[in-house]
N, C-alpha and C. Protein backbone atom coordinates (compact mmCIF):
# COMPACT_ATOMS: atom_id res chain seq x y z
N MET A 1 -21.68 -12.90 15.95
CA MET A 1 -20.41 -13.39 16.44
C MET A 1 -19.29 -12.53 15.85
N ALA A 2 -18.38 -12.14 16.69
CA ALA A 2 -17.28 -11.27 16.27
C ALA A 2 -16.25 -12.06 15.47
N LYS A 3 -15.73 -11.42 14.42
CA LYS A 3 -14.69 -12.01 13.60
C LYS A 3 -13.44 -11.15 13.74
N PHE A 4 -12.30 -11.79 13.93
CA PHE A 4 -11.05 -11.08 14.13
C PHE A 4 -10.08 -11.41 13.01
N ILE A 5 -9.15 -10.47 12.77
CA ILE A 5 -8.11 -10.66 11.78
C ILE A 5 -6.77 -10.33 12.44
N GLU A 6 -5.76 -11.11 12.12
CA GLU A 6 -4.41 -10.84 12.61
C GLU A 6 -3.73 -9.85 11.68
N LEU A 7 -3.21 -8.77 12.24
CA LEU A 7 -2.51 -7.76 11.46
C LEU A 7 -1.11 -7.58 12.03
N THR A 8 -0.11 -7.58 11.16
CA THR A 8 1.26 -7.30 11.57
C THR A 8 1.46 -5.80 11.47
N VAL A 9 1.59 -5.15 12.60
CA VAL A 9 1.67 -3.70 12.69
C VAL A 9 3.12 -3.28 12.90
N SER A 10 3.54 -2.25 12.16
CA SER A 10 4.89 -1.72 12.34
C SER A 10 4.81 -0.37 13.03
N GLU A 11 5.56 -0.24 14.11
CA GLU A 11 5.64 1.01 14.85
C GLU A 11 7.11 1.30 15.11
N ASP A 12 7.58 2.42 14.64
CA ASP A 12 8.99 2.81 14.78
C ASP A 12 9.87 1.71 14.17
N ASP A 13 10.69 1.07 14.98
CA ASP A 13 11.60 0.05 14.46
C ASP A 13 11.19 -1.36 14.83
N GLU A 14 9.97 -1.56 15.31
CA GLU A 14 9.54 -2.89 15.71
C GLU A 14 8.22 -3.26 15.05
N THR A 15 7.98 -4.54 14.92
CA THR A 15 6.70 -5.03 14.39
C THR A 15 6.09 -5.96 15.43
N ARG A 16 4.77 -6.00 15.43
CA ARG A 16 4.07 -6.91 16.33
C ARG A 16 2.76 -7.32 15.69
N ILE A 17 2.24 -8.44 16.12
CA ILE A 17 0.98 -8.95 15.58
C ILE A 17 -0.12 -8.61 16.57
N ILE A 18 -1.20 -8.01 16.06
CA ILE A 18 -2.35 -7.70 16.91
C ILE A 18 -3.60 -8.30 16.28
N MET A 19 -4.57 -8.58 17.12
CA MET A 19 -5.87 -9.07 16.67
C MET A 19 -6.83 -7.89 16.65
N VAL A 20 -7.51 -7.70 15.52
CA VAL A 20 -8.43 -6.58 15.36
C VAL A 20 -9.80 -7.14 14.98
N ASN A 21 -10.83 -6.66 15.66
CA ASN A 21 -12.19 -7.02 15.32
C ASN A 21 -12.52 -6.41 13.96
N THR A 22 -12.97 -7.21 13.02
CA THR A 22 -13.24 -6.70 11.67
C THR A 22 -14.36 -5.66 11.66
N ASP A 23 -15.24 -5.68 12.66
CA ASP A 23 -16.30 -4.68 12.75
C ASP A 23 -15.75 -3.29 13.08
N SER A 24 -14.55 -3.23 13.66
CA SER A 24 -13.98 -1.93 14.02
C SER A 24 -13.10 -1.34 12.92
N ILE A 25 -12.98 -2.04 11.79
CA ILE A 25 -12.18 -1.53 10.68
C ILE A 25 -13.06 -0.68 9.77
N GLY A 26 -12.63 0.55 9.56
CA GLY A 26 -13.38 1.47 8.71
C GLY A 26 -12.97 1.32 7.26
N ARG A 27 -11.79 1.84 6.94
CA ARG A 27 -11.29 1.80 5.57
C ARG A 27 -9.87 1.28 5.56
N ILE A 28 -9.47 0.78 4.39
CA ILE A 28 -8.07 0.39 4.20
C ILE A 28 -7.54 1.13 2.98
N TYR A 29 -6.28 1.50 3.05
CA TYR A 29 -5.64 2.25 1.98
C TYR A 29 -4.32 1.58 1.62
N GLN A 30 -3.89 1.77 0.41
CA GLN A 30 -2.53 1.38 0.05
C GLN A 30 -1.59 2.45 0.56
N ASN A 31 -0.50 2.06 1.18
CA ASN A 31 0.49 3.02 1.65
C ASN A 31 1.12 3.67 0.43
N PRO A 32 1.04 5.00 0.29
CA PRO A 32 1.57 5.66 -0.91
C PRO A 32 3.10 5.61 -1.00
N GLN A 33 3.78 5.35 0.10
CA GLN A 33 5.24 5.33 0.10
C GLN A 33 5.82 3.94 -0.08
N MET A 34 5.07 2.91 0.30
CA MET A 34 5.57 1.54 0.21
C MET A 34 4.45 0.63 -0.27
N SER A 35 4.66 -0.07 -1.37
CA SER A 35 3.60 -0.91 -1.94
C SER A 35 3.38 -2.20 -1.15
N ASN A 36 4.31 -2.57 -0.28
CA ASN A 36 4.15 -3.80 0.50
C ASN A 36 3.50 -3.55 1.85
N LYS A 37 2.97 -2.34 2.08
CA LYS A 37 2.30 -2.00 3.34
C LYS A 37 0.94 -1.37 3.04
N SER A 38 0.07 -1.43 4.03
CA SER A 38 -1.26 -0.83 3.92
C SER A 38 -1.53 0.00 5.16
N ILE A 39 -2.52 0.88 5.05
CA ILE A 39 -2.98 1.69 6.16
C ILE A 39 -4.40 1.24 6.49
N VAL A 40 -4.66 0.93 7.75
CA VAL A 40 -5.98 0.52 8.20
C VAL A 40 -6.52 1.60 9.12
N GLU A 41 -7.69 2.13 8.78
CA GLU A 41 -8.35 3.14 9.61
C GLU A 41 -9.40 2.44 10.46
N LEU A 42 -9.35 2.67 11.75
CA LEU A 42 -10.32 2.06 12.66
C LEU A 42 -11.50 2.99 12.87
N ASN A 43 -12.64 2.42 13.27
CA ASN A 43 -13.89 3.17 13.43
C ASN A 43 -13.97 3.94 14.75
N TYR A 44 -12.93 3.96 15.53
CA TYR A 44 -12.99 4.70 16.78
C TYR A 44 -11.85 5.68 16.85
N HIS A 45 -11.91 6.58 17.82
CA HIS A 45 -10.95 7.66 17.94
C HIS A 45 -10.11 7.49 19.20
N SER A 46 -8.95 8.12 19.20
CA SER A 46 -8.08 8.09 20.37
C SER A 46 -8.60 9.06 21.43
N ILE A 47 -7.91 9.13 22.53
CA ILE A 47 -8.32 9.99 23.64
C ILE A 47 -8.44 11.45 23.21
N ASN A 48 -7.54 11.91 22.35
CA ASN A 48 -7.59 13.30 21.90
C ASN A 48 -8.47 13.48 20.66
N ASP A 49 -9.38 12.54 20.43
CA ASP A 49 -10.38 12.59 19.35
C ASP A 49 -9.78 12.56 17.95
N ALA A 50 -8.60 12.00 17.82
CA ALA A 50 -7.97 11.84 16.50
C ALA A 50 -8.28 10.43 15.98
N PRO A 51 -8.45 10.27 14.67
CA PRO A 51 -8.68 8.93 14.12
C PRO A 51 -7.49 8.01 14.41
N VAL A 52 -7.77 6.73 14.50
CA VAL A 52 -6.71 5.75 14.77
C VAL A 52 -6.38 5.03 13.47
N TYR A 53 -5.11 5.07 13.10
CA TYR A 53 -4.61 4.41 11.89
C TYR A 53 -3.54 3.42 12.28
N LEU A 54 -3.51 2.28 11.59
CA LEU A 54 -2.47 1.29 11.79
C LEU A 54 -1.73 1.10 10.47
N GLU A 55 -0.42 1.07 10.51
CA GLU A 55 0.37 0.75 9.33
C GLU A 55 0.69 -0.73 9.41
N VAL A 56 0.17 -1.51 8.47
CA VAL A 56 0.31 -2.97 8.54
C VAL A 56 1.26 -3.46 7.45
N GLU A 57 1.90 -4.56 7.75
CA GLU A 57 2.91 -5.15 6.86
C GLU A 57 2.26 -6.13 5.87
N ILE A 58 1.13 -5.75 5.30
CA ILE A 58 0.42 -6.59 4.34
C ILE A 58 0.13 -5.74 3.11
N PRO A 59 0.45 -6.24 1.91
CA PRO A 59 0.11 -5.48 0.70
C PRO A 59 -1.39 -5.22 0.61
N TYR A 60 -1.76 -4.10 0.04
CA TYR A 60 -3.15 -3.67 -0.03
C TYR A 60 -4.06 -4.72 -0.69
N GLU A 61 -3.65 -5.25 -1.83
CA GLU A 61 -4.50 -6.21 -2.55
C GLU A 61 -4.76 -7.47 -1.72
N LYS A 62 -3.75 -7.96 -1.04
CA LYS A 62 -3.93 -9.16 -0.20
C LYS A 62 -4.86 -8.86 0.96
N LEU A 63 -4.71 -7.71 1.59
CA LEU A 63 -5.58 -7.32 2.70
C LEU A 63 -7.02 -7.13 2.22
N ARG A 64 -7.17 -6.49 1.09
CA ARG A 64 -8.52 -6.26 0.53
C ARG A 64 -9.22 -7.56 0.23
N LEU A 65 -8.49 -8.53 -0.31
CA LEU A 65 -9.10 -9.82 -0.62
C LEU A 65 -9.55 -10.58 0.62
N SER A 66 -8.92 -10.32 1.74
CA SER A 66 -9.34 -11.01 2.96
C SER A 66 -10.70 -10.53 3.46
N PHE A 67 -11.20 -9.40 2.95
CA PHE A 67 -12.51 -8.88 3.35
C PHE A 67 -13.60 -9.22 2.34
N LEU A 68 -13.24 -9.76 1.20
CA LEU A 68 -14.26 -10.12 0.19
C LEU A 68 -14.81 -11.49 0.41
């Protein structure tokens, strides 16, 4: 059974909430520029074969704990 997580994603000057299948999440990183944001790497690639990253409005430690 698929499990989903709500992520608040920031793009340019707007934020939105998206549902992401936890099976499609590869790695998570702390944003080096802002401690209150994280970077989520997805397990699939875009049309031009580049990795897909999401900048989320969740601190790294809180996001990491949601996967434990």
